Every structure is written in C-alpha cells, then in structure tokens.
Amino acid sequence: MSSTRRAPHTAPETAARIRDAAVGEFAAHGFAKTTVRGIAAVAGVSPGLVIHHFGSKDALRAVCDDHVFAVLTARKRENAHRSPFVVAELFGDPEMRTHAEYLLKSILDPSEHGQRFFDHYVDMVERFIEDGFAGYTMRQGEDRRAQSATIAALALAPLMLEPKLRRALGTADLQDSMGRIAPSLYDLYLHGFIESVPESHATPGPRATPGSQHDPPAEPVP
C-alpha cells in the first residue's frame, strides 16, 4: 500500500533549509562566487535537489530576495512602536546581520538582479508612503516615485557606508554604528533637516497631498 506521507527530501522544510543556506552563502560570498554545490553542502542536500526545488541559481536567488524582504519588513513592523535604539538590538541578531549583508550585496550588484532588488525596495517604500506603516502616516509628495527612491537611497546609505561611519564615529561594528546613528536618522525623518533658508534661495520642495498639514501656505492673492 502506498503512503501519502512525503519523502523527507521533498518536504517543504527542505526547500526552506536550502533557501536559508543560500541566503547565508550569498551574503558571505556574493552572488557570482556562490555556487549551487556550495549551497547544497551547507544545506546538507545534493546539488540536484537544489535544482529540483528551485530550477536554477537565479530562480533561487529571486526566492531569497523575496524572503529577505519579507523578514526585514516583518521585523520593522514588529518593532515600529519601540525606540530608535532598537536598531542596535536588531543588528545584534545573527539572522538580521546576515540579511543586512545580503541586502548590501544585492544593492551593490550591478546586474539586473541587483536592480530588481532596489526596485523592490523602492516599491516597498512607496507602499508605506501611500498606506502608512504600523500606525505612522507619511508625508506624500507629488512625485511619489522620486520621493520613494530618495527615501530608499537614504535608508540604504548607512549600510553601504558603514565601514566609513565606523571610522568617523569610532564605533566597533555594524550593530554599534547603526545604533549610534539611528536616533539621528529618526529625527531627520520626523522633523527634516533644514531649519530655514535665505529668502533669495527659497524654492518649492515636494508638496504633500493637497490639503495636508504639511503643505506650505498658499500664496496670498494680490
């Protein structure tokens, strides 16, 4: 009599184990240097089983992209109510550090995969601006795509520049650096940066949604 129970090598948890191994290998070695054979060795399966589950290294990478985004977004949502100092705690978690390294490798990758990852990040920011995030309401500019891309670039810059931040701030590691700058980043997001500008240099910025409290006052009618 045949059994309906799936063999261990076809179980969903095997695919998840391969995916997690791939995230770690991609984060550690980059996408070009990571091989299916290396991923298989870490996952404890055969290279053929990796291909059986995902089809190709590129397809596996796409699955890893989506997984890393889902995990990072969930962690942000779970901790949105906490102090900005929680950033240091999050980056102290080994899984978060691996995902941050994966994120960095993806952003610096000049291939179409790297562009897809950045576009995905911008899409995520755009959704946050439109729908809010964990109780926060975001200012909405007229050029929403440009606004989203700018915020994405600002959010990713500290990770890309962390070695230089470490030198400038005298911090010890990624966790220490992110914890140090998190309150300043939060203040920048919440209050902006420029206090005032010379009258001769005043230029219109990205207006908020019409009727928003963030809109500049209307010009007086002559």
C-alpha atoms as a PDB file:
ATOM      1  CA  MET A   1       0.000   0.000   0.000  1.00  0.00           C
ATOM      2  CA  SER A   2       1.391   3.409  -0.965  1.00  0.00           C
ATOM      3  CA  SER A   3       1.882   6.064   1.676  1.00  0.00           C
ATOM      4  CA  THR A   4       0.621   9.662   1.363  1.00  0.00           C
ATOM      5  CA  ARG A   5       3.466  10.933   3.509  1.00  0.00           C
ATOM      6  CA  ARG A   6       6.046  12.897   1.550  1.00  0.00           C
ATOM      7  CA  ALA A   7       9.610  11.714   1.491  1.00  0.00           C
ATOM      8  CA  PRO A   8      11.930  13.891   3.635  1.00  0.00           C
ATOM      9  CA  HIS A   9      13.811  15.216   0.624  1.00  0.00           C
ATOM     10  CA  THR A  10      10.592  16.607  -0.906  1.00  0.00           C
ATOM     11  CA  ALA A  11       9.228  18.183   2.291  1.00  0.00           C
ATOM     12  CA  PRO A  12       8.661  21.970   2.348  1.00  0.00           C
ATOM     13  CA  GLU A  13      11.121  22.328   5.222  1.00  0.00           C
ATOM     14  CA  THR A  14      13.864  21.050   2.908  1.00  0.00           C
ATOM     15  CA  ALA A  15      13.196  23.883   0.461  1.00  0.00           C
ATOM     16  CA  ALA A  16      13.274  26.353   3.354  1.00  0.00           C
ATOM     17  CA  ARG A  17      16.586  24.913   4.545  1.00  0.00           C
ATOM     18  CA  ILE A  18      18.050  25.295   1.055  1.00  0.00           C
ATOM     19  CA  ARG A  19      16.737  28.871   0.849  1.00  0.00           C
ATOM     20  CA  ASP A  20      18.232  29.796   4.231  1.00  0.00           C
ATOM     21  CA  ALA A  21      21.554  28.231   3.255  1.00  0.00           C
ATOM     22  CA  ALA A  22      21.506  30.214   0.009  1.00  0.00           C
ATOM     23  CA  VAL A  23      20.823  33.494   1.842  1.00  0.00           C
ATOM     24  CA  GLY A  24      23.832  32.840   4.073  1.00  0.00           C
ATOM     25  CA  GLU A  25      26.107  31.863   1.190  1.00  0.00           C
ATOM     26  CA  PHE A  26      25.046  34.801  -0.985  1.00  0.00           C
ATOM     27  CA  ALA A  27      25.561  37.163   1.958  1.00  0.00           C
ATOM     28  CA  ALA A  28      29.003  35.751   2.750  1.00  0.00           C
ATOM     29  CA  HIS A  29      30.452  35.280  -0.733  1.00  0.00           C
ATOM     30  CA  GLY A  30      28.381  37.357  -3.131  1.00  0.00           C
ATOM     31  CA  PHE A  31      26.204  36.117  -5.941  1.00  0.00           C
ATOM     32  CA  ALA A  32      28.826  35.453  -8.588  1.00  0.00           C
ATOM     33  CA  LYS A  33      31.095  33.376  -6.337  1.00  0.00           C
ATOM     34  CA  THR A  34      28.349  31.353  -4.676  1.00  0.00           C
ATOM     35  CA  THR A  35      27.683  28.012  -6.334  1.00  0.00           C
ATOM     36  CA  VAL A  36      24.780  25.585  -6.246  1.00  0.00           C
ATOM     37  CA  ARG A  37      27.212  22.973  -4.983  1.00  0.00           C
ATOM     38  CA  GLY A  38      28.253  25.222  -2.086  1.00  0.00           C
ATOM     39  CA  ILE A  39      24.644  25.955  -1.176  1.00  0.00           C
ATOM     40  CA  ALA A  40      23.841  22.252  -1.292  1.00  0.00           C
ATOM     41  CA  ALA A  41      26.754  21.429   1.004  1.00  0.00           C
ATOM     42  CA  VAL A  42      25.610  23.945   3.625  1.00  0.00           C
ATOM     43  CA  ALA A  43      22.004  22.744   3.374  1.00  0.00           C
ATOM     44  CA  GLY A  44      23.076  19.113   3.591  1.00  0.00           C
ATOM     45  CA  VAL A  45      21.457  18.085   0.311  1.00  0.00           C
ATOM     46  CA  SER A  46      22.617  17.208  -3.195  1.00  0.00           C
ATOM     47  CA  PRO A  47      23.083  19.890  -5.892  1.00  0.00           C
ATOM     48  CA  GLY A  48      20.433  18.069  -7.903  1.00  0.00           C
ATOM     49  CA  LEU A  49      17.908  18.563  -5.126  1.00  0.00           C
ATOM     50  CA  VAL A  50      18.593  22.305  -5.125  1.00  0.00           C
ATOM     51  CA  ILE A  51      17.779  22.426  -8.822  1.00  0.00           C
ATOM     52  CA  HIS A  52      14.776  20.153  -8.279  1.00  0.00           C
ATOM     53  CA  HIS A  53      13.276  22.635  -5.811  1.00  0.00           C
ATOM     54  CA  PHE A  54      14.231  25.931  -7.459  1.00  0.00           C
ATOM     55  CA  GLY A  55      15.123  25.255 -11.092  1.00  0.00           C
ATOM     56  CA  SER A  56      18.280  27.389 -11.212  1.00  0.00           C
ATOM     57  CA  LYS A  57      20.564  29.551  -9.100  1.00  0.00           C
ATOM     58  CA  ASP A  58      18.887  32.687 -10.473  1.00  0.00           C
ATOM     59  CA  ALA A  59      15.436  31.399  -9.529  1.00  0.00           C
ATOM     60  CA  LEU A  60      16.719  30.515  -6.068  1.00  0.00           C
ATOM     61  CA  ARG A  61      18.123  33.997  -5.700  1.00  0.00           C
ATOM     62  CA  ALA A  62      14.738  35.522  -6.572  1.00  0.00           C
ATOM     63  CA  VAL A  63      13.151  33.423  -3.822  1.00  0.00           C
ATOM     64  CA  CYS A  64      15.867  34.596  -1.421  1.00  0.00           C
ATOM     65  CA  ASP A  65      15.186  38.235  -2.376  1.00  0.00           C
ATOM     66  CA  ASP A  66      11.508  37.891  -1.557  1.00  0.00           C
ATOM     67  CA  HIS A  67      12.247  36.058   1.693  1.00  0.00           C
ATOM     68  CA  VAL A  68      14.760  38.643   2.925  1.00  0.00           C
ATOM     69  CA  PHE A  69      12.344  41.477   2.171  1.00  0.00           C
ATOM     70  CA  ALA A  70       9.517  39.692   3.962  1.00  0.00           C
ATOM     71  CA  VAL A  71      11.647  39.059   7.050  1.00  0.00           C
ATOM     72  CA  LEU A  72      13.047  42.609   7.214  1.00  0.00           C
ATOM     73  CA  THR A  73       9.608  44.165   6.708  1.00  0.00           C
ATOM     74  CA  ALA A  74       8.081  41.944   9.385  1.00  0.00           C
ATOM     75  CA  ARG A  75      10.830  42.837  11.861  1.00  0.00           C
ATOM     76  CA  LYS A  76      10.364  46.539  11.165  1.00  0.00           C
ATOM     77  CA  ARG A  77       6.625  46.230  11.665  1.00  0.00           C
ATOM     78  CA  GLU A  78       7.043  44.264  14.902  1.00  0.00           C
ATOM     79  CA  ASN A  79       9.400  46.899  16.334  1.00  0.00           C
ATOM     80  CA  ALA A  80       7.834  50.073  14.907  1.00  0.00           C
ATOM     81  CA  HIS A  81       6.488  51.056  18.344  1.00  0.00           C
ATOM     82  CA  ARG A  82       9.884  50.825  20.011  1.00  0.00           C
ATOM     83  CA  SER A  83      12.662  53.371  20.440  1.00  0.00           C
ATOM     84  CA  PRO A  84      15.049  54.029  17.516  1.00  0.00           C
ATOM     85  CA  PHE A  85      17.716  52.493  19.727  1.00  0.00           C
ATOM     86  CA  VAL A  86      16.168  49.096  18.968  1.00  0.00           C
ATOM     87  CA  VAL A  87      18.124  49.171  15.696  1.00  0.00           C
ATOM     88  CA  ALA A  88      21.268  48.216  17.590  1.00  0.00           C
ATOM     89  CA  GLU A  89      19.450  45.281  19.158  1.00  0.00           C
ATOM     90  CA  LEU A  90      18.112  44.103  15.795  1.00  0.00           C
ATOM     91  CA  PHE A  91      21.527  44.156  14.170  1.00  0.00           C
ATOM     92  CA  GLY A  92      22.862  42.187  17.099  1.00  0.00           C
ATOM     93  CA  ASP A  93      20.746  39.268  15.932  1.00  0.00           C
ATOM     94  CA  PRO A  94      22.752  36.891  13.686  1.00  0.00           C
ATOM     95  CA  GLU A  95      19.857  36.425  11.265  1.00  0.00           C
ATOM     96  CA  MET A  96      19.407  40.189  10.900  1.00  0.00           C
ATOM     97  CA  ARG A  97      23.136  40.663  10.293  1.00  0.00           C
ATOM     98  CA  THR A  98      23.036  38.011   7.579  1.00  0.00           C
ATOM     99  CA  HIS A  99      20.016  39.634   5.969  1.00  0.00           C
ATOM    100  CA  ALA A 100      21.667  43.045   6.162  1.00  0.00           C
ATOM    101  CA  GLU A 101      24.757  41.652   4.444  1.00  0.00           C
ATOM    102  CA  TYR A 102      22.527  40.050   1.809  1.00  0.00           C
ATOM    103  CA  LEU A 103      20.820  43.406   1.320  1.00  0.00           C
ATOM    104  CA  LEU A 104      24.170  45.122   0.877  1.00  0.00           C
ATOM    105  CA  LYS A 105      25.410  42.547  -1.616  1.00  0.00           C
ATOM    106  CA  SER A 106      22.208  42.958  -3.631  1.00  0.00           C
ATOM    107  CA  ILE A 107      22.334  46.754  -3.701  1.00  0.00           C
ATOM    108  CA  LEU A 108      25.960  46.736  -4.873  1.00  0.00           C
ATOM    109  CA  ASP A 109      25.310  44.093  -7.530  1.00  0.00           C
ATOM    110  CA  PRO A 110      25.336  45.791 -10.984  1.00  0.00           C
ATOM    111  CA  SER A 111      23.270  43.029 -12.599  1.00  0.00           C
ATOM    112  CA  GLU A 112      19.559  43.071 -13.371  1.00  0.00           C
ATOM    113  CA  HIS A 113      19.022  41.064 -10.189  1.00  0.00           C
ATOM    114  CA  GLY A 114      20.564  43.902  -8.194  1.00  0.00           C
ATOM    115  CA  GLN A 115      18.332  46.432  -9.948  1.00  0.00           C
ATOM    116  CA  ARG A 116      15.295  44.259  -9.246  1.00  0.00           C
ATOM    117  CA  PHE A 117      16.166  44.223  -5.575  1.00  0.00           C
ATOM    118  CA  PHE A 118      16.478  48.029  -5.409  1.00  0.00           C
ATOM    119  CA  ASP A 119      13.237  48.471  -7.373  1.00  0.00           C
ATOM    120  CA  HIS A 120      11.575  46.128  -4.906  1.00  0.00           C
ATOM    121  CA  TYR A 121      12.837  48.290  -2.046  1.00  0.00           C
ATOM    122  CA  VAL A 122      11.512  51.462  -3.695  1.00  0.00           C
ATOM    123  CA  ASP A 123       8.149  49.754  -4.267  1.00  0.00           C
ATOM    124  CA  MET A 124       8.015  48.874  -0.577  1.00  0.00           C
ATOM    125  CA  VAL A 125       8.745  52.477   0.473  1.00  0.00           C
ATOM    126  CA  GLU A 126       6.096  53.727  -1.948  1.00  0.00           C
ATOM    127  CA  ARG A 127       3.506  51.432  -0.362  1.00  0.00           C
ATOM    128  CA  PHE A 128       4.476  52.705   3.084  1.00  0.00           C
ATOM    129  CA  ILE A 129       4.033  56.304   1.918  1.00  0.00           C
ATOM    130  CA  GLU A 130       0.625  55.575   0.424  1.00  0.00           C
ATOM    131  CA  ASP A 131      -0.774  53.292   3.128  1.00  0.00           C
ATOM    132  CA  GLY A 132       1.180  54.246   6.233  1.00  0.00           C
ATOM    133  CA  PHE A 133       3.190  51.795   8.301  1.00  0.00           C
ATOM    134  CA  ALA A 134       2.440  50.396  11.746  1.00  0.00           C
ATOM    135  CA  GLY A 135       0.413  53.471  12.716  1.00  0.00           C
ATOM    136  CA  TYR A 136       2.758  56.020  11.136  1.00  0.00           C
ATOM    137  CA  THR A 137       1.379  58.399   8.483  1.00  0.00           C
ATOM    138  CA  MET A 138       3.870  59.507   5.857  1.00  0.00           C
ATOM    139  CA  ARG A 139       4.144  62.799   4.048  1.00  0.00           C
ATOM    140  CA  GLN A 140       3.076  62.304   0.433  1.00  0.00           C
ATOM    141  CA  GLY A 141       4.899  64.259  -2.262  1.00  0.00           C
ATOM    142  CA  GLU A 142       3.556  64.981  -5.722  1.00  0.00           C
ATOM    143  CA  ASP A 143       6.237  62.883  -7.413  1.00  0.00           C
ATOM    144  CA  ARG A 144       5.696  59.794  -5.306  1.00  0.00           C
ATOM    145  CA  ARG A 145       8.208  57.650  -7.185  1.00  0.00           C
ATOM    146  CA  ALA A 146      11.014  60.181  -6.800  1.00  0.00           C
ATOM    147  CA  GLN A 147      10.129  60.618  -3.140  1.00  0.00           C
ATOM    148  CA  SER A 148      10.207  56.858  -2.594  1.00  0.00           C
ATOM    149  CA  ALA A 149      13.519  56.434  -4.431  1.00  0.00           C
ATOM    150  CA  THR A 150      15.069  59.252  -2.384  1.00  0.00           C
ATOM    151  CA  ILE A 151      13.968  57.724   0.916  1.00  0.00           C
ATOM    152  CA  ALA A 152      15.167  54.290  -0.203  1.00  0.00           C
ATOM    153  CA  ALA A 153      18.583  55.727  -1.067  1.00  0.00           C
ATOM    154  CA  LEU A 154      18.772  57.472   2.304  1.00  0.00           C
ATOM    155  CA  ALA A 155      17.745  54.324   4.155  1.00  0.00           C
ATOM    156  CA  LEU A 156      20.313  52.145   2.375  1.00  0.00           C
ATOM    157  CA  ALA A 157      23.233  54.593   2.505  1.00  0.00           C
ATOM    158  CA  PRO A 158      24.235  53.865   6.138  1.00  0.00           C
ATOM    159  CA  LEU A 159      24.569  50.167   5.388  1.00  0.00           C
ATOM    160  CA  MET A 160      26.667  50.834   2.297  1.00  0.00           C
ATOM    161  CA  LEU A 161      28.872  53.350   4.103  1.00  0.00           C
ATOM    162  CA  GLU A 162      29.069  51.572   7.467  1.00  0.00           C
ATOM    163  CA  PRO A 163      32.844  50.945   7.343  1.00  0.00           C
ATOM    164  CA  LYS A 164      33.387  54.674   6.874  1.00  0.00           C
ATOM    165  CA  LEU A 165      30.820  55.502   9.548  1.00  0.00           C
ATOM    166  CA  ARG A 166      32.730  53.203  11.880  1.00  0.00           C
ATOM    167  CA  ARG A 167      35.924  55.179  11.298  1.00  0.00           C
ATOM    168  CA  ALA A 168      34.198  58.544  11.625  1.00  0.00           C
ATOM    169  CA  LEU A 169      32.286  57.666  14.800  1.00  0.00           C
ATOM    170  CA  GLY A 170      34.761  55.330  16.446  1.00  0.00           C
ATOM    171  CA  THR A 171      32.156  52.579  16.646  1.00  0.00           C
ATOM    172  CA  ALA A 172      33.053  48.914  16.929  1.00  0.00           C
ATOM    173  CA  ASP A 173      30.892  47.136  14.370  1.00  0.00           C
ATOM    174  CA  LEU A 174      27.684  47.257  12.326  1.00  0.00           C
ATOM    175  CA  GLN A 175      25.477  46.906  15.383  1.00  0.00           C
ATOM    176  CA  ASP A 176      27.291  49.733  17.183  1.00  0.00           C
ATOM    177  CA  SER A 177      27.257  52.027  14.125  1.00  0.00           C
ATOM    178  CA  MET A 178      23.567  51.560  13.368  1.00  0.00           C
ATOM    179  CA  GLY A 179      22.650  52.047  17.000  1.00  0.00           C
ATOM    180  CA  ARG A 180      24.642  55.282  17.093  1.00  0.00           C
ATOM    181  CA  ILE A 181      23.068  56.868  14.017  1.00  0.00           C
ATOM    182  CA  ALA A 182      19.502  55.531  14.456  1.00  0.00           C
ATOM    183  CA  PRO A 183      18.255  58.422  16.654  1.00  0.00           C
ATOM    184  CA  SER A 184      19.659  60.987  14.208  1.00  0.00           C
ATOM    185  CA  LEU A 185      18.038  59.218  11.255  1.00  0.00           C
ATOM    186  CA  TYR A 186      14.718  59.074  13.076  1.00  0.00           C
ATOM    187  CA  ASP A 187      14.937  62.773  13.909  1.00  0.00           C
ATOM    188  CA  LEU A 188      15.726  63.530  10.257  1.00  0.00           C
ATOM    189  CA  TYR A 189      12.722  61.520   9.066  1.00  0.00           C
ATOM    190  CA  LEU A 190      10.394  63.103  11.616  1.00  0.00           C
ATOM    191  CA  HIS A 191      11.488  66.742  11.617  1.00  0.00           C
ATOM    192  CA  GLY A 192      13.528  67.262   8.464  1.00  0.00           C
ATOM    193  CA  PHE A 193      16.944  68.841   8.383  1.00  0.00           C
ATOM    194  CA  ILE A 194      16.787  72.463   7.176  1.00  0.00           C
ATOM    195  CA  GLU A 195      15.523  74.941   9.748  1.00  0.00           C
ATOM    196  CA  SER A 196      15.227  77.882   7.379  1.00  0.00           C
ATOM    197  CA  VAL A 197      16.586  79.083   4.038  1.00  0.00           C
ATOM    198  CA  PRO A 198      17.606  82.508   2.772  1.00  0.00           C
ATOM    199  CA  GLU A 199      14.634  84.199   1.153  1.00  0.00           C
ATOM    200  CA  SER A 200      16.521  84.507  -2.130  1.00  0.00           C
ATOM    201  CA  HIS A 201      17.152  80.760  -2.184  1.00  0.00           C
ATOM    202  CA  ALA A 202      13.657  79.609  -1.311  1.00  0.00           C
ATOM    203  CA  THR A 203      12.484  77.001  -3.800  1.00  0.00           C
ATOM    204  CA  PRO A 204       9.376  74.846  -3.726  1.00  0.00           C
ATOM    205  CA  GLY A 205      10.011  71.394  -2.307  1.00  0.00           C
ATOM    206  CA  PRO A 206       7.990  68.253  -2.836  1.00  0.00           C
ATOM    207  CA  ARG A 207       4.482  69.271  -1.791  1.00  0.00           C
ATOM    208  CA  ALA A 208       2.435  66.990   0.327  1.00  0.00           C
ATOM    209  CA  THR A 209      -1.004  65.713  -0.587  1.00  0.00           C
ATOM    210  CA  PRO A 210      -3.317  68.704  -1.263  1.00  0.00           C
ATOM    211  CA  GLY A 211      -4.922  69.789   1.974  1.00  0.00           C
ATOM    212  CA  SER A 212      -2.276  68.127   4.130  1.00  0.00           C
ATOM    213  CA  GLN A 213      -0.920  69.871   7.195  1.00  0.00           C
ATOM    214  CA  HIS A 214       2.487  69.552   5.543  1.00  0.00           C
ATOM    215  CA  ASP A 215       1.532  71.717   2.549  1.00  0.00           C
ATOM    216  CA  PRO A 216       3.226  75.114   2.508  1.00  0.00           C
ATOM    217  CA  PRO A 217       0.804  78.039   2.922  1.00  0.00           C
ATOM    218  CA  ALA A 218      -0.867  79.170  -0.258  1.00  0.00           C
ATOM    219  CA  GLU A 219       0.427  82.330  -1.910  1.00  0.00           C
ATOM    220  CA  PRO A 220      -1.699  85.342  -0.996  1.00  0.00           C
ATOM    221  CA  VAL A 221      -3.983  86.608  -3.730  1.00  0.00           C
ATOM    222  CA  PRO A 222      -2.874  90.081  -4.875  1.00  0.00           C
END
